[in-house]
Amino acid sequence: MASNYSGRNRTLVPEAKQGLNRLKTEVASGVGLQDYESIDKGNLSSRQNGSVGGEMVKRMVESYERGLQ
């Protein structure tokens, strides 16, 4: 099966980028990472970065599920 994966992150819905960045900043603040936008992510542990991404996905799934009801 051929893949079209280019190896780069792409914004599929450009209009959503601002909202995702706002959510990322909010989640990072909630897990104790202030000024997340200006932090060098390479200096953070995998656990710290993963906590932000994992919580974002959790919130997006919960939001979607609420919309189904």
Protein backbone atom coordinates (compact mmCIF):
# COMPACT_ATOMS: atom_id res chain seq x y z
CA MET A 1 0.00 0.00 0.00
CA ALA A 2 1.54 3.31 -1.08
CA SER A 3 1.59 6.19 1.34
CA ASN A 4 1.22 9.88 0.57
CA TYR A 5 2.89 10.84 3.86
CA SER A 6 5.44 13.54 3.17
CA GLY A 7 7.17 13.44 6.57
CA ARG A 8 6.11 16.98 7.44
CA ASN A 9 3.32 18.34 9.57
CA ARG A 10 0.73 20.07 7.43
CA THR A 11 -2.21 22.18 8.50
CA LEU A 12 -5.18 20.56 6.82
CA VAL A 13 -7.59 23.29 7.95
CA PRO A 14 -5.65 26.57 8.11
CA GLU A 15 -8.56 28.30 9.87
CA ALA A 16 -8.13 25.94 12.84
CA LYS A 17 -4.46 26.76 13.46
CA GLN A 18 -5.13 29.76 15.71
CA GLY A 19 -7.59 27.78 17.84
CA LEU A 20 -5.19 24.87 18.17
CA ASN A 21 -2.40 27.21 19.26
CA ARG A 22 -4.72 28.76 21.84
CA LEU A 23 -5.67 25.29 23.13
CA LYS A 24 -2.00 24.25 23.24
CA THR A 25 -1.08 27.31 25.31
CA GLU A 26 -4.02 26.75 27.67
CA VAL A 27 -3.16 23.07 28.18
CA ALA A 28 0.55 23.79 28.68
CA SER A 29 -0.33 26.37 31.31
CA GLY A 30 -2.53 23.80 33.03
CA VAL A 31 0.35 21.31 33.29
CA GLY A 32 2.73 23.97 34.63
CA LEU A 33 4.53 25.07 31.45
CA GLN A 34 4.21 28.84 31.34
CA ASP A 35 5.21 30.71 28.15
CA TYR A 36 4.98 27.46 26.17
CA GLU A 37 5.02 29.29 22.83
CA SER A 38 8.46 30.78 23.50
CA ILE A 39 10.03 27.71 25.17
CA ASP A 40 12.54 25.64 23.18
CA LYS A 41 10.58 22.36 23.02
CA GLY A 42 13.86 20.46 22.58
CA ASN A 43 14.75 21.34 26.17
CA LEU A 44 11.56 19.74 27.51
CA SER A 45 11.27 16.08 28.37
CA SER A 46 9.21 13.71 26.25
CA ARG A 47 6.84 13.41 29.19
CA GLN A 48 6.28 17.19 29.31
CA ASN A 49 5.70 17.51 25.57
CA GLY A 50 3.56 14.36 25.56
CA SER A 51 1.43 15.68 28.38
CA VAL A 52 0.51 18.73 26.34
CA GLY A 53 -0.31 16.75 23.19
CA GLY A 54 -2.16 14.04 25.07
CA GLU A 55 -4.33 16.49 26.97
CA MET A 56 -5.11 18.35 23.74
CA VAL A 57 -6.32 15.15 22.09
CA LYS A 58 -8.34 14.23 25.19
CA ARG A 59 -10.12 17.60 25.16
CA MET A 60 -10.79 17.45 21.40
CA VAL A 61 -12.30 13.97 21.71
CA GLU A 62 -14.46 15.06 24.67
CA SER A 63 -15.65 18.09 22.70
CA TYR A 64 -16.52 15.93 19.70
CA GLU A 65 -18.39 13.43 21.88
CA ARG A 66 -20.41 16.24 23.50
CA GLY A 67 -21.39 17.36 20.02
CA LEU A 68 -22.75 13.90 19.21
CA GLN A 69 -25.28 14.01 22.04
